[in-house]
């Protein structure tokens, strides 16, 4: 075993990012992945000529991806081609439809149509959001969250009130706009952050800046193109990957993680040794299933008090025909936003009449479905930790949302389905060991931000570290890239 040997458990975005940074710095990196392909929650499902992104489907914050590749003297365009979507997405309201244009002037006209005078307010709102984005994503997000001293920066302290960390995004948006559709439009991006708009700090209006100014993009070949790009970069840097390796135990001696026990696909067990270990697996699973109790950072009581982001009911659907007039991203806000949100976060029950989301990647990229076919991804956000995730329940909700989908696009769909796969709460647990079956990690509430998130360091094991959506900076693909960079650079600094 060499002092610069590193094992990374899991090849999600954060694990791939950490692997690249460490390999560049001269470390010998081995990634152990449970599945037969890299990507973690961003895996790809291929069935009969259809290619489905199994998890993330939104490409926001293109500057974060570009920044990642630039640090290896590469560009995004070296690996995949980006297309800016226009409209960025479509919203189906109860009685009408709104396309969100990529062009800012067209967006201003849309705001004016709904609420006279709102275009000037949008300019002010986005000016504040731009400051938050620059400060949050360029300074705040890259902190390892190990000490309050990291945030004792004169510029950051001076601008603390401009960051609006003590005001909710709901109250903040309501200060500028009164029309309910405009309010929901500006509250919608924080649904990715895992809490009610009244619980998410207005700091996260930076997501509105990312949406409106940064744009909504799509990498040709699907979101899995990003995984393939990072995997290829890692290979170029010398990272070794071991697939179908399910880590079942971390052995500890003298406060050091010394051996990683792995179950192979044939159920045999192998043991790996390393000087440093990074867990890109689910944080709770790593602590509660892989480590002895005495070496855990947090108790079960700690985790039970955390606000966990939603789980999801996902349907991968292939049609034997093309649909007319659909957009790449569609949000169905044609039922009560308040009721569904309460069912996710307050009463924590299966929704009565849910909102849902549809991604039609083949509307942008024909290569993702056979000729004259359509590739559809349906997602219903649901509370984490729900039981009774049965085939019958999944079918119940699919029928419910498919009926609304057909009605709103005014085209038959059900009779043209030739592929249908489902993925839900129990699959998140089985495939990713996800705590309470969550899909998006830890909610970004004020009391779960920065140093208040689970630590990137194991406090009792000197060479064990954590990365991913349950630690800093939080959920989402760009934050995952940042998370991997944070832990890698922390380790690099320790070894200097």
Protein backbone atom coordinates (compact mmCIF):
# COMPACT_ATOMS: atom_id res chain seq x y z
CA UNK A 1 0.00 0.00 0.00
CA UNK A 2 1.35 3.39 -1.08
CA UNK A 3 0.65 6.66 0.76
CA UNK A 4 -1.03 8.07 -2.34
CA UNK A 5 -3.35 5.12 -2.94
CA UNK A 6 -7.00 6.19 -2.85
CA UNK A 7 -10.16 4.12 -3.06
CA UNK A 8 -13.41 5.86 -4.00
CA UNK A 9 -16.64 4.03 -3.25
CA UNK A 10 -19.13 4.87 -5.99
CA UNK A 11 -18.83 6.49 -9.42
CA UNK A 12 -21.55 9.13 -9.27
CA UNK A 13 -20.71 12.65 -10.42
CA UNK A 14 -18.99 13.52 -7.13
CA UNK A 15 -16.94 10.32 -7.19
CA UNK A 16 -15.87 10.89 -10.80
CA UNK A 17 -14.96 14.49 -10.01
CA UNK A 18 -12.87 13.54 -6.97
CA UNK A 19 -11.15 10.78 -8.95
CA UNK A 20 -10.10 13.20 -11.69
CA UNK A 21 -8.69 15.83 -9.32
CA UNK A 22 -6.78 13.28 -7.25
CA UNK A 23 -5.35 11.50 -10.28
CA UNK A 24 -4.20 14.82 -11.71
CA UNK A 25 -2.37 15.47 -8.41
CA UNK A 26 -0.47 12.19 -8.71
CA UNK A 27 -2.61 9.87 -6.58
CA UNK A 28 -3.27 6.25 -7.56
CA UNK A 29 -7.06 6.15 -7.69
CA UNK A 30 -9.29 3.09 -7.81
CA UNK A 31 -13.07 3.50 -8.06
CA UNK A 32 -15.27 0.66 -6.80
CA UNK A 33 -18.71 0.73 -8.39
CA UNK A 34 -21.67 -1.48 -7.45
CA UNK A 35 -23.16 -1.42 -10.94
CA UNK A 36 -21.83 -2.44 -14.35
CA UNK A 37 -21.37 1.14 -15.57
CA UNK A 38 -20.27 4.49 -14.13
CA UNK A 39 -22.68 7.26 -13.20
CA UNK A 40 -24.49 6.23 -10.03
CA UNK A 41 -27.92 7.85 -10.11
CA UNK A 42 -27.08 9.19 -13.57
CA UNK A 43 -26.86 5.73 -15.10
CA UNK A 44 -28.23 4.97 -18.54
CA UNK A 45 -30.96 2.45 -19.38
CA UNK A 46 -30.89 0.97 -22.90
CA UNK A 47 -33.86 -1.06 -24.12
CA UNK A 48 -34.64 -2.05 -27.73
CA UNK A 49 -33.04 1.02 -29.30
CA UNK A 50 -34.26 3.46 -26.63
CA UNK A 51 -31.69 5.23 -24.42
CA UNK A 52 -33.02 6.66 -21.15
CA UNK A 53 -31.21 8.86 -18.64
CA UNK A 54 -32.21 7.14 -15.41
CA UNK A 55 -31.77 10.16 -13.13
CA UNK A 56 -30.80 13.80 -13.72
CA UNK A 57 -32.37 15.36 -16.80
CA UNK A 58 -31.78 19.14 -16.42
CA UNK A 59 -28.56 20.80 -17.57
CA UNK A 60 -28.23 24.14 -15.81
CA UNK A 61 -25.14 26.14 -14.79
CA UNK A 62 -23.04 25.36 -17.90
CA UNK A 63 -20.24 27.48 -16.44
CA UNK A 64 -19.75 24.93 -13.63
CA UNK A 65 -19.23 22.10 -16.13
CA UNK A 66 -16.89 24.25 -18.22
CA UNK A 67 -14.92 25.19 -15.12
CA UNK A 68 -14.53 21.52 -14.21
CA UNK A 69 -13.08 20.51 -17.58
CA UNK A 70 -10.96 23.68 -17.85
CA UNK A 71 -8.99 22.58 -14.77
CA UNK A 72 -7.73 19.64 -16.84
CA UNK A 73 -6.97 21.83 -19.88
CA UNK A 74 -10.10 20.48 -21.54
CA UNK A 75 -13.37 21.95 -22.75
CA UNK A 76 -16.90 20.61 -22.62
CA UNK A 77 -16.87 20.62 -26.43
CA UNK A 78 -13.97 18.14 -26.37
CA UNK A 79 -16.42 15.54 -25.13
CA UNK A 80 -20.01 16.45 -25.99
CA UNK A 81 -22.14 18.99 -27.86
CA UNK A 82 -24.56 21.26 -26.05
CA UNK A 83 -27.86 22.50 -27.45
CA UNK A 84 -29.71 25.40 -25.81
CA UNK A 85 -33.38 24.55 -25.50
CA UNK A 86 -35.99 27.03 -26.70
CA UNK A 87 -38.44 27.10 -25.09
CA UNK A 88 -36.48 26.27 -21.97
CA UNK A 89 -39.52 24.35 -20.75
CA UNK A 90 -43.30 24.38 -20.92
CA UNK A 91 -45.69 24.73 -18.00
CA UNK A 92 -49.18 23.27 -18.16
CA UNK A 93 -51.41 25.26 -15.81
CA UNK A 94 -54.98 24.33 -14.99
CA UNK A 95 -56.48 26.38 -17.82
CA UNK A 96 -53.60 27.42 -20.07
CA UNK A 97 -50.06 26.68 -21.21
CA UNK A 98 -46.93 28.81 -20.90
CA UNK A 99 -43.74 28.30 -22.87
CA UNK A 100 -40.72 29.81 -21.11
CA UNK A 101 -38.63 31.39 -23.87
CA UNK A 102 -34.84 31.25 -23.92
CA UNK A 103 -34.71 34.81 -25.25
CA UNK A 104 -34.72 37.30 -22.37
CA UNK A 105 -36.70 40.00 -24.21
CA UNK A 106 -39.40 37.46 -25.01
CA UNK A 107 -39.46 36.47 -21.35
CA UNK A 108 -39.91 40.10 -20.33
CA UNK A 109 -42.88 40.32 -22.70
CA UNK A 110 -44.35 37.20 -21.11
CA UNK A 111 -44.02 38.73 -17.63
CA UNK A 112 -45.61 41.98 -18.80
CA UNK A 113 -48.53 40.10 -20.30
CA UNK A 114 -49.25 38.37 -17.00
CA UNK A 115 -48.50 41.34 -14.72
CA UNK A 116 -48.02 44.86 -16.14
CA UNK A 117 -44.81 46.44 -14.82
CA UNK A 118 -43.29 43.10 -13.87
CA UNK A 119 -40.52 43.16 -16.50
CA UNK A 120 -38.74 45.98 -14.64
CA UNK A 121 -39.17 44.08 -11.39
CA UNK A 122 -37.71 41.00 -13.09
CA UNK A 123 -34.62 42.99 -13.96
CA UNK A 124 -34.18 44.00 -10.31
CA UNK A 125 -34.90 40.46 -9.10
CA UNK A 126 -32.30 39.00 -11.46
CA UNK A 127 -29.74 41.65 -10.57
CA UNK A 128 -29.90 40.45 -6.96
CA UNK A 129 -29.94 36.83 -8.12
CA UNK A 130 -26.80 37.45 -10.21
CA UNK A 131 -24.95 38.64 -7.10
CA UNK A 132 -26.10 35.54 -5.22
CA UNK A 133 -25.05 33.28 -8.06
CA UNK A 134 -21.60 34.84 -8.30
CA UNK A 135 -21.10 34.80 -4.53
CA UNK A 136 -22.84 31.50 -3.87
CA UNK A 137 -21.45 29.41 -6.71
CA UNK A 138 -17.98 30.97 -6.95
CA UNK A 139 -17.21 31.48 -3.24
CA UNK A 140 -19.74 29.88 -0.91
CA UNK A 141 -20.19 26.53 -2.71
CA UNK A 142 -16.49 25.67 -2.83
CA UNK A 143 -15.97 25.82 0.94
CA UNK A 144 -15.41 22.42 2.62
CA UNK A 145 -17.70 23.42 5.52
CA UNK A 146 -15.27 22.29 8.22
CA UNK A 147 -15.13 25.55 10.17
CA UNK A 148 -17.02 28.81 10.56
CA UNK A 149 -13.66 30.50 9.92
CA UNK A 150 -14.02 29.62 6.22
CA UNK A 151 -16.81 32.16 5.99
CA UNK A 152 -15.10 34.99 7.89
CA UNK A 153 -14.31 36.71 4.65
CA UNK A 154 -14.71 40.49 4.67
CA UNK A 155 -16.50 40.58 1.33
CA UNK A 156 -18.80 37.72 2.24
CA UNK A 157 -19.67 39.22 5.63
CA UNK A 158 -20.27 42.61 4.07
CA UNK A 159 -22.70 41.10 1.56
CA UNK A 160 -24.43 38.68 3.94
CA UNK A 161 -27.71 40.56 3.88
CA UNK A 162 -27.65 40.75 0.08
CA UNK A 163 -27.51 36.95 0.10
CA UNK A 164 -30.94 36.85 1.80
CA UNK A 165 -30.17 33.76 3.86
CA UNK A 166 -32.74 34.74 6.50
CA UNK A 167 -35.64 35.29 4.08
CA UNK A 168 -37.52 32.52 2.27
CA UNK A 169 -37.61 32.29 -1.50
CA UNK A 170 -41.42 32.39 -1.30
CA UNK A 171 -41.42 35.69 0.59
CA UNK A 172 -38.68 37.07 -1.63
CA UNK A 173 -40.50 36.27 -4.90
CA UNK A 174 -43.76 37.58 -3.43
CA UNK A 175 -42.09 40.92 -2.76
CA UNK A 176 -41.58 41.42 -6.49
CA UNK A 177 -44.47 39.61 -8.16
CA UNK A 178 -48.13 39.17 -7.32
CA UNK A 179 -49.39 37.01 -10.18
CA UNK A 180 -49.59 33.40 -8.92
CA UNK A 181 -48.14 31.96 -12.12
CA UNK A 182 -45.09 34.22 -11.90
CA UNK A 183 -44.62 33.30 -8.26
CA UNK A 184 -44.80 29.57 -9.04
CA UNK A 185 -42.47 30.02 -12.00
CA UNK A 186 -39.84 31.54 -9.73
CA UNK A 187 -40.43 29.05 -6.92
CA UNK A 188 -40.26 26.00 -9.19
CA UNK A 189 -36.42 25.67 -9.41
CA UNK A 190 -36.09 25.24 -5.65
CA UNK A 191 -38.13 22.04 -5.87
CA UNK A 192 -34.78 20.50 -6.81
CA UNK A 193 -33.46 21.61 -3.41
CA UNK A 194 -35.82 19.45 -1.43
CA UNK A 195 -38.09 21.66 0.67
CA UNK A 196 -41.11 23.95 0.55
CA UNK A 197 -40.43 27.41 -0.93
CA UNK A 198 -41.20 28.92 2.48
CA UNK A 199 -38.36 26.82 3.97
CA UNK A 200 -35.69 27.50 1.33
CA UNK A 201 -33.54 30.63 1.86
CA UNK A 202 -33.93 33.37 -0.74
CA UNK A 203 -30.21 32.88 -1.38
CA UNK A 204 -31.38 30.22 -3.81
CA UNK A 205 -32.91 32.75 -6.16
CA UNK A 206 -29.48 32.10 -7.67
CA UNK A 207 -31.31 29.15 -9.28
CA UNK A 208 -33.55 31.63 -11.10
CA UNK A 209 -30.46 33.33 -12.44
CA UNK A 210 -29.13 29.94 -13.57
CA UNK A 211 -32.47 29.19 -15.23
CA UNK A 212 -33.17 32.52 -16.93
CA UNK A 213 -29.72 33.91 -17.66
CA UNK A 214 -27.63 30.73 -17.74
CA UNK A 215 -30.19 28.90 -19.84
CA UNK A 216 -31.50 25.35 -20.08
CA UNK A 217 -29.26 23.13 -22.17
CA UNK A 218 -29.11 19.55 -23.36
CA UNK A 219 -26.00 17.49 -24.11
CA UNK A 220 -26.48 15.50 -27.31
CA UNK A 221 -26.64 11.82 -26.50
CA UNK A 222 -28.36 12.60 -23.20
CA UNK A 223 -27.17 13.48 -19.72
CA UNK A 224 -25.18 10.26 -19.76
CA UNK A 225 -22.83 12.05 -22.17
CA UNK A 226 -21.52 13.96 -19.14
CA UNK A 227 -20.86 10.70 -17.28
CA UNK A 228 -19.06 9.29 -20.33
CA UNK A 229 -17.00 12.48 -20.61
CA UNK A 230 -15.90 12.42 -16.98
CA UNK A 231 -15.25 8.68 -17.13
CA UNK A 232 -13.10 9.14 -20.24
CA UNK A 233 -11.20 12.00 -18.60
CA UNK A 234 -10.62 9.86 -15.50
CA UNK A 235 -9.25 7.03 -17.64
CA UNK A 236 -6.97 9.47 -19.45
CA UNK A 237 -5.65 10.56 -16.04
CA UNK A 238 -4.95 6.97 -15.02
CA UNK A 239 -7.92 6.20 -12.75
CA UNK A 240 -8.73 2.50 -12.41
CA UNK A 241 -12.37 1.40 -12.34
CA UNK A 242 -13.70 -1.84 -10.89
CA UNK A 243 -17.37 -2.50 -11.78
CA UNK A 244 -19.85 -4.92 -10.19
CA UNK A 245 -18.06 -4.38 -6.88
CA UNK A 246 -20.55 -3.92 -4.03
CA UNK A 247 -18.77 -2.61 -0.92
CA UNK A 248 -20.11 -4.43 2.14
CA UNK A 249 -17.69 -3.44 4.92
CA UNK A 250 -15.02 -0.91 5.86
CA UNK A 251 -12.55 -2.44 8.29
CA UNK A 252 -10.98 -0.04 10.84
CA UNK A 253 -7.69 -0.44 12.72
CA UNK A 254 -6.00 2.21 14.86
CA UNK A 255 -8.49 4.85 13.69
CA UNK A 256 -7.68 4.15 10.04
CA UNK A 257 -9.86 2.60 7.37
CA UNK A 258 -7.52 -0.21 6.33
CA UNK A 259 -9.54 -2.70 4.30
CA UNK A 260 -12.55 -2.41 1.99
CA UNK A 261 -14.55 -5.64 1.71
CA UNK A 262 -16.33 -6.06 -1.61
CA UNK A 263 -18.92 -8.52 -2.81
CA UNK A 264 -18.35 -9.50 -6.43
CA UNK A 265 -21.08 -10.33 -8.94
CA UNK A 266 -20.52 -14.06 -8.28
CA UNK A 267 -21.03 -13.42 -4.52
CA UNK A 268 -17.38 -14.02 -3.72
CA UNK A 269 -15.69 -11.47 -1.46
CA UNK A 270 -12.55 -9.48 -2.27
CA UNK A 271 -10.56 -7.15 -0.02
CA UNK A 272 -8.90 -3.89 -1.10
CA UNK A 273 -6.35 -1.87 0.86
CA UNK A 274 -5.81 1.86 0.59
CA UNK A 275 -4.18 4.80 2.37
CA UNK A 276 -7.26 6.99 1.83
CA UNK A 277 -10.94 6.19 1.34
CA UNK A 278 -13.66 8.44 -0.08
CA UNK A 279 -17.29 7.38 0.21
CA UNK A 280 -19.39 8.61 -2.70
CA UNK A 281 -21.97 6.06 -1.60
CA UNK A 282 -24.96 7.25 0.41
CA UNK A 283 -23.56 8.90 3.56
CA UNK A 284 -26.08 7.31 5.93
CA UNK A 285 -25.51 3.88 4.38
CA UNK A 286 -21.73 4.23 4.66
CA UNK A 287 -21.96 5.08 8.34
CA UNK A 288 -24.71 2.69 9.38
CA UNK A 289 -24.04 -0.33 7.19
CA UNK A 290 -20.33 -0.27 6.33
CA UNK A 291 -18.75 1.04 9.56
CA UNK A 292 -18.71 -0.25 13.15
CA UNK A 293 -21.03 1.85 15.33
CA UNK A 294 -18.18 3.39 17.32
CA UNK A 295 -16.74 5.01 14.21
CA UNK A 296 -19.84 6.79 12.95
CA UNK A 297 -20.01 10.58 12.77
CA UNK A 298 -23.73 10.73 13.49
CA UNK A 299 -26.37 8.81 15.40
CA UNK A 300 -29.64 7.55 13.96
CA UNK A 301 -31.36 10.30 15.96
CA UNK A 302 -29.32 12.89 14.07
CA UNK A 303 -30.46 11.52 10.71
CA UNK A 304 -34.09 11.26 11.80
CA UNK A 305 -34.12 15.00 12.52
CA UNK A 306 -32.82 15.89 9.06
CA UNK A 307 -35.12 17.21 6.35
CA UNK A 308 -34.68 14.82 3.47
CA UNK A 309 -35.38 15.78 -0.13
CA UNK A 310 -38.16 13.92 -1.95
CA UNK A 311 -38.12 10.51 -3.52
CA UNK A 312 -39.67 9.98 -6.94
CA UNK A 313 -41.87 7.74 -9.03
CA UNK A 314 -40.15 7.50 -12.42
CA UNK A 315 -41.42 5.92 -15.62
CA UNK A 316 -39.25 5.27 -18.69
CA UNK A 317 -41.60 5.02 -21.64
CA UNK A 318 -40.97 4.26 -25.31
CA UNK A 319 -43.61 4.97 -27.97
CA UNK A 320 -43.86 3.52 -31.46
CA UNK A 321 -44.78 6.92 -32.90
CA UNK A 322 -43.72 10.56 -32.71
CA UNK A 323 -45.79 13.10 -30.77
CA UNK A 324 -46.57 16.47 -32.31
CA UNK A 325 -45.75 19.81 -30.73
CA UNK A 326 -44.24 18.55 -27.47
CA UNK A 327 -41.27 20.23 -25.80
CA UNK A 328 -38.16 18.70 -24.27
CA UNK A 329 -39.17 19.62 -20.68
CA UNK A 330 -42.78 19.92 -19.51
CA UNK A 331 -44.05 20.71 -16.02
CA UNK A 332 -47.63 19.79 -15.22
CA UNK A 333 -48.76 22.36 -12.65
CA UNK A 334 -52.42 21.77 -13.45
CA UNK A 335 -53.32 20.65 -9.94
CA UNK A 336 -52.77 22.19 -6.52
CA UNK A 337 -49.09 23.00 -5.95
CA UNK A 338 -49.79 23.67 -2.26
CA UNK A 339 -51.56 20.35 -1.67
CA UNK A 340 -48.90 18.24 -3.37
CA UNK A 341 -46.09 20.11 -1.59
CA UNK A 342 -47.81 19.54 1.76
CA UNK A 343 -48.16 15.82 0.98
CA UNK A 344 -44.40 15.65 0.31
CA UNK A 345 -43.11 17.73 3.22
CA UNK A 346 -45.81 18.00 5.89
CA UNK A 347 -48.19 15.04 5.97
CA UNK A 348 -45.67 12.81 4.09
CA UNK A 349 -48.21 10.71 2.28
CA UNK A 350 -48.81 9.44 -1.22
CA UNK A 351 -50.23 12.37 -3.23
CA UNK A 352 -53.90 12.52 -4.13
CA UNK A 353 -53.50 14.40 -7.40
CA UNK A 354 -49.81 15.04 -8.04
CA UNK A 355 -47.90 17.52 -10.11
CA UNK A 356 -45.51 15.77 -12.47
CA UNK A 357 -42.72 16.35 -14.96
CA UNK A 358 -42.10 14.93 -18.44
CA UNK A 359 -38.83 14.90 -20.37
CA UNK A 360 -38.98 14.04 -24.08
CA UNK A 361 -35.30 13.80 -25.01
CA UNK A 362 -36.09 12.42 -28.47
CA UNK A 363 -37.83 15.71 -29.27
CA UNK A 364 -34.32 17.21 -29.28
CA UNK A 365 -32.13 14.23 -30.16
CA UNK A 366 -33.51 11.54 -32.50
CA UNK A 367 -30.62 9.20 -31.65
CA UNK A 368 -32.21 8.42 -28.27
CA UNK A 369 -35.11 6.46 -29.77
CA UNK A 370 -35.63 4.26 -32.85
CA UNK A 371 -36.78 5.98 -36.02
CA UNK A 372 -40.27 7.51 -35.71
CA UNK A 373 -40.41 6.64 -32.02
CA UNK A 374 -40.50 8.78 -28.88
CA UNK A 375 -38.53 8.56 -25.64
CA UNK A 376 -40.45 9.81 -22.58
CA UNK A 377 -39.42 10.17 -18.93
CA UNK A 378 -42.21 10.80 -16.40
CA UNK A 379 -41.42 11.84 -12.82
CA UNK A 380 -43.72 12.33 -9.84
CA UNK A 381 -42.00 13.75 -6.72
CA UNK A 382 -43.15 12.00 -3.54
CA UNK A 383 -42.19 12.10 0.13
CA UNK A 384 -39.10 10.18 1.21
CA UNK A 385 -39.60 7.18 3.46
CA UNK A 386 -43.01 6.09 2.15
CA UNK A 387 -44.01 2.42 2.30
CA UNK A 388 -46.29 0.41 0.03
CA UNK A 389 -44.24 1.04 -3.10
CA UNK A 390 -45.98 -1.78 -4.96
CA UNK A 391 -46.41 -2.51 -8.69
CA UNK A 392 -50.13 -1.79 -8.28
CA UNK A 393 -49.43 1.62 -6.74
CA UNK A 394 -46.96 2.50 -9.49
CA UNK A 395 -49.53 1.53 -12.11
CA UNK A 396 -52.20 3.58 -10.35
CA UNK A 397 -50.11 6.74 -10.58
CA UNK A 398 -49.00 6.05 -14.12
CA UNK A 399 -52.59 5.76 -15.29
CA UNK A 400 -53.40 8.97 -13.44
CA UNK A 401 -50.66 11.10 -14.97
CA UNK A 402 -50.82 9.49 -18.42
CA UNK A 403 -54.49 10.39 -18.69
CA UNK A 404 -53.71 14.03 -17.92
CA UNK A 405 -50.76 13.98 -20.32
CA UNK A 406 -52.90 12.66 -23.18
CA UNK A 407 -55.64 15.18 -22.45
CA UNK A 408 -53.29 18.17 -22.37
CA UNK A 409 -51.28 17.30 -25.49
CA UNK A 410 -54.52 16.16 -27.21
CA UNK A 411 -52.96 12.99 -28.62
CA UNK A 412 -53.33 9.27 -27.80
CA UNK A 413 -50.30 7.82 -26.03
CA UNK A 414 -51.26 4.70 -24.08
CA UNK A 415 -52.00 2.54 -27.13
CA UNK A 416 -48.56 3.39 -28.58
CA UNK A 417 -46.46 2.33 -25.57
CA UNK A 418 -44.00 -0.43 -26.47
CA UNK A 419 -41.53 0.05 -23.61
CA UNK A 420 -42.32 0.85 -19.96
CA UNK A 421 -39.97 0.52 -17.03
CA UNK A 422 -40.50 1.93 -13.56
CA UNK A 423 -38.17 3.12 -10.82
CA UNK A 424 -39.33 4.32 -7.41
CA UNK A 425 -38.65 4.50 -3.67
CA UNK A 426 -37.68 0.86 -3.15
CA UNK A 427 -35.34 0.99 -6.17
CA UNK A 428 -33.54 4.02 -4.76
CA UNK A 429 -32.91 1.95 -1.63
CA UNK A 430 -31.96 -1.23 -3.47
CA UNK A 431 -29.79 0.32 -6.20
CA UNK A 432 -28.24 3.28 -4.35
CA UNK A 433 -28.76 2.46 -0.66
CA UNK A 434 -30.51 5.84 -0.54
CA UNK A 435 -31.53 6.98 2.93
CA UNK A 436 -35.32 6.71 3.14
CA UNK A 437 -35.34 6.15 -0.62
CA UNK A 438 -34.54 9.81 -1.30
CA UNK A 439 -33.88 10.91 -4.88
CA UNK A 440 -32.24 14.29 -4.21
CA UNK A 441 -30.28 14.02 -0.97
CA UNK A 442 -30.52 16.51 1.88
CA UNK A 443 -32.83 19.51 1.62
CA UNK A 444 -31.02 22.86 1.37
CA UNK A 445 -32.73 24.57 4.28
CA UNK A 446 -30.93 27.26 6.31
CA UNK A 447 -30.20 24.82 9.14
CA UNK A 448 -28.77 22.30 6.66
CA UNK A 449 -26.37 24.62 4.86
CA UNK A 450 -22.54 24.75 4.81
CA UNK A 451 -21.06 23.77 8.20
CA UNK A 452 -24.49 22.49 9.25
CA UNK A 453 -24.37 19.70 6.66
CA UNK A 454 -22.83 16.29 7.42
CA UNK A 455 -19.05 16.70 7.40
CA UNK A 456 -16.79 15.67 4.53
CA UNK A 457 -14.45 14.16 7.17
CA UNK A 458 -15.00 11.21 9.43
CA UNK A 459 -14.19 12.64 12.85
CA UNK A 460 -13.01 9.28 14.26
CA UNK A 461 -11.21 7.77 11.26
CA UNK A 462 -8.31 9.83 9.98
CA UNK A 463 -8.35 8.65 6.36
CA UNK A 464 -12.09 8.39 5.59
CA UNK A 465 -13.90 11.18 3.74
CA UNK A 466 -17.33 11.73 2.22
CA UNK A 467 -18.62 13.35 -0.96
CA UNK A 468 -21.96 13.65 -2.74
CA UNK A 469 -25.43 15.06 -2.23
CA UNK A 470 -25.70 14.46 1.53
CA UNK A 471 -22.70 16.68 2.27
CA UNK A 472 -21.44 20.03 0.96
CA UNK A 473 -22.51 21.83 -1.13
CA UNK A 474 -25.77 19.92 -1.68
CA UNK A 475 -28.01 18.19 -4.25
CA UNK A 476 -27.83 18.56 -8.02
CA UNK A 477 -25.33 17.74 -10.76
CA UNK A 478 -23.23 20.95 -10.63
CA UNK A 479 -22.98 20.76 -6.80
CA UNK A 480 -21.89 17.11 -7.15
CA UNK A 481 -19.00 18.15 -9.40
CA UNK A 482 -18.07 20.76 -6.80
CA UNK A 483 -18.41 18.26 -3.93
CA UNK A 484 -15.88 15.95 -5.54
CA UNK A 485 -13.48 18.83 -6.09
CA UNK A 486 -13.83 19.98 -2.48
CA UNK A 487 -12.95 16.63 -0.93
CA UNK A 488 -10.15 15.93 -3.41
CA UNK A 489 -8.46 19.26 -2.81
CA UNK A 490 -8.83 18.84 0.95
CA UNK A 491 -7.03 15.49 0.74
CA UNK A 492 -4.37 16.93 -1.57
CA UNK A 493 -3.68 19.72 0.93
CA UNK A 494 -3.43 17.20 3.78
CA UNK A 495 -0.81 15.20 1.89
CA UNK A 496 1.42 18.20 1.11
